Amino acid sequence: MNEQIELFDIDNPCIGVCTSNKKGYCFGCLRSRTERQLWLSMSTEQRREVLRLIVGRKQRIEQMRQRKGKQLGFDFEEEMETGELF
């Protein structure tokens, strides 16, 4: 199998929001503590894998936000039937 030549370096996904949650994932770039520490020594393939994992983490976070919004969401424009209270 031919190895593809990498024309461009894979940029560090850090956005300067360097705060981690309890599990060690950065709120800014969504990398784990280990992924952040080893980034500079990773191969191109390893970096691609980390970026793939970040995409999955973003998708899961968005899905959780949507579920939470549906659970907490109220449609205040909708007319509700309350019936007679007394």
C-alpha atoms as a PDB file:
ATOM      1  CA  MET A   1       0.000   0.000   0.000  1.00  0.00           C
ATOM      2  CA  ASN A   2       1.355   3.424  -0.930  1.00  0.00           C
ATOM      3  CA  GLU A   3       1.758   5.907   1.855  1.00  0.00           C
ATOM      4  CA  GLN A   4       0.145   9.270   1.204  1.00  0.00           C
ATOM      5  CA  ILE A   5       2.456  12.247   1.498  1.00  0.00           C
ATOM      6  CA  GLU A   6       1.183  14.859   3.921  1.00  0.00           C
ATOM      7  CA  LEU A   7       1.437  18.299   2.309  1.00  0.00           C
ATOM      8  CA  PHE A   8       0.294  20.294   5.322  1.00  0.00           C
ATOM      9  CA  ASP A   9       0.862  19.920   9.017  1.00  0.00           C
ATOM     10  CA  ILE A  10      -2.206  19.111  11.080  1.00  0.00           C
ATOM     11  CA  ASP A  11      -2.822  22.167  13.228  1.00  0.00           C
ATOM     12  CA  ASN A  12      -3.169  21.887  16.956  1.00  0.00           C
ATOM     13  CA  PRO A  13      -6.919  22.085  17.752  1.00  0.00           C
ATOM     14  CA  CYS A  14      -6.273  24.205  20.878  1.00  0.00           C
ATOM     15  CA  ILE A  15      -8.418  27.369  20.931  1.00  0.00           C
ATOM     16  CA  GLY A  16      -6.950  28.800  24.113  1.00  0.00           C
ATOM     17  CA  VAL A  17      -9.749  27.734  26.463  1.00  0.00           C
ATOM     18  CA  CYS A  18      -7.600  25.506  28.600  1.00  0.00           C
ATOM     19  CA  THR A  19      -9.984  24.325  31.284  1.00  0.00           C
ATOM     20  CA  SER A  20     -10.749  20.659  31.879  1.00  0.00           C
ATOM     21  CA  ASN A  21     -13.765  18.838  33.213  1.00  0.00           C
ATOM     22  CA  LYS A  22     -13.577  16.175  35.937  1.00  0.00           C
ATOM     23  CA  LYS A  23     -12.659  13.497  33.407  1.00  0.00           C
ATOM     24  CA  GLY A  24      -9.770  15.563  32.028  1.00  0.00           C
ATOM     25  CA  TYR A  25     -11.343  16.630  28.725  1.00  0.00           C
ATOM     26  CA  CYS A  26     -10.635  20.222  27.715  1.00  0.00           C
ATOM     27  CA  PHE A  27     -13.711  22.443  27.345  1.00  0.00           C
ATOM     28  CA  GLY A  28     -12.035  24.274  24.451  1.00  0.00           C
ATOM     29  CA  CYS A  29     -10.623  21.586  22.169  1.00  0.00           C
ATOM     30  CA  LEU A  30     -12.327  18.472  23.617  1.00  0.00           C
ATOM     31  CA  ARG A  31      -9.052  16.556  23.829  1.00  0.00           C
ATOM     32  CA  SER A  32      -8.208  14.324  26.760  1.00  0.00           C
ATOM     33  CA  ARG A  33      -5.333  15.212  29.060  1.00  0.00           C
ATOM     34  CA  THR A  34      -3.141  12.579  27.388  1.00  0.00           C
ATOM     35  CA  GLU A  35      -4.047  13.761  23.887  1.00  0.00           C
ATOM     36  CA  ARG A  36      -3.057  17.315  24.818  1.00  0.00           C
ATOM     37  CA  GLN A  37       0.221  16.252  26.423  1.00  0.00           C
ATOM     38  CA  LEU A  38       1.303  13.981  23.561  1.00  0.00           C
ATOM     39  CA  TRP A  39       0.122  16.117  20.610  1.00  0.00           C
ATOM     40  CA  LEU A  40       3.580  17.355  19.586  1.00  0.00           C
ATOM     41  CA  SER A  41       5.049  13.851  19.553  1.00  0.00           C
ATOM     42  CA  MET A  42       2.125  12.206  17.706  1.00  0.00           C
ATOM     43  CA  SER A  43       2.369  10.970  14.149  1.00  0.00           C
ATOM     44  CA  THR A  44       0.088  12.380  11.471  1.00  0.00           C
ATOM     45  CA  GLU A  45      -2.137   9.307  11.704  1.00  0.00           C
ATOM     46  CA  GLN A  46      -2.421   9.634  15.472  1.00  0.00           C
ATOM     47  CA  ARG A  47      -3.353  13.297  15.124  1.00  0.00           C
ATOM     48  CA  ARG A  48      -5.997  12.424  12.537  1.00  0.00           C
ATOM     49  CA  GLU A  49      -7.439   9.876  14.961  1.00  0.00           C
ATOM     50  CA  VAL A  50      -7.602  12.484  17.729  1.00  0.00           C
ATOM     51  CA  LEU A  51      -9.407  14.877  15.371  1.00  0.00           C
ATOM     52  CA  ARG A  52     -11.857  12.105  14.474  1.00  0.00           C
ATOM     53  CA  LEU A  53     -12.506  11.507  18.171  1.00  0.00           C
ATOM     54  CA  ILE A  54     -13.066  15.241  18.720  1.00  0.00           C
ATOM     55  CA  VAL A  55     -15.748  15.264  16.010  1.00  0.00           C
ATOM     56  CA  GLY A  56     -17.551  12.398  17.761  1.00  0.00           C
ATOM     57  CA  ARG A  57     -17.321  14.178  21.111  1.00  0.00           C
ATOM     58  CA  LYS A  58     -18.783  17.361  19.602  1.00  0.00           C
ATOM     59  CA  GLN A  59     -21.672  15.360  18.137  1.00  0.00           C
ATOM     60  CA  ARG A  60     -22.425  13.700  21.486  1.00  0.00           C
ATOM     61  CA  ILE A  61     -22.334  17.051  23.283  1.00  0.00           C
ATOM     62  CA  GLU A  62     -24.730  18.569  20.735  1.00  0.00           C
ATOM     63  CA  GLN A  63     -27.090  15.586  21.054  1.00  0.00           C
ATOM     64  CA  MET A  64     -27.083  15.945  24.846  1.00  0.00           C
ATOM     65  CA  ARG A  65     -27.823  19.672  24.544  1.00  0.00           C
ATOM     66  CA  GLN A  66     -30.716  18.977  22.187  1.00  0.00           C
ATOM     67  CA  ARG A  67     -32.175  16.321  24.509  1.00  0.00           C
ATOM     68  CA  LYS A  68     -31.814  18.626  27.481  1.00  0.00           C
ATOM     69  CA  GLY A  69     -33.501  21.428  25.531  1.00  0.00           C
ATOM     70  CA  LYS A  70     -36.418  19.160  24.654  1.00  0.00           C
ATOM     71  CA  GLN A  71     -36.794  18.090  28.271  1.00  0.00           C
ATOM     72  CA  LEU A  72     -36.673  21.649  29.603  1.00  0.00           C
ATOM     73  CA  GLY A  73     -38.258  23.394  26.640  1.00  0.00           C
ATOM     74  CA  PHE A  74     -41.665  24.961  26.875  1.00  0.00           C
ATOM     75  CA  ASP A  75     -43.622  26.431  24.026  1.00  0.00           C
ATOM     76  CA  PHE A  76     -45.029  29.586  25.569  1.00  0.00           C
ATOM     77  CA  GLU A  77     -46.788  30.488  22.343  1.00  0.00           C
ATOM     78  CA  GLU A  78     -48.925  27.355  22.477  1.00  0.00           C
ATOM     79  CA  GLU A  79     -52.405  27.684  23.941  1.00  0.00           C
ATOM     80  CA  MET A  80     -52.895  25.198  26.717  1.00  0.00           C
ATOM     81  CA  GLU A  81     -56.230  23.879  27.819  1.00  0.00           C
ATOM     82  CA  THR A  82     -56.468  24.235  31.542  1.00  0.00           C
ATOM     83  CA  GLY A  83     -60.085  23.302  32.015  1.00  0.00           C
ATOM     84  CA  GLU A  84     -62.135  24.674  34.829  1.00  0.00           C
ATOM     85  CA  LEU A  85     -60.266  25.026  38.044  1.00  0.00           C
ATOM     86  CA  PHE A  86     -63.312  25.782  40.238  1.00  0.00           C
END
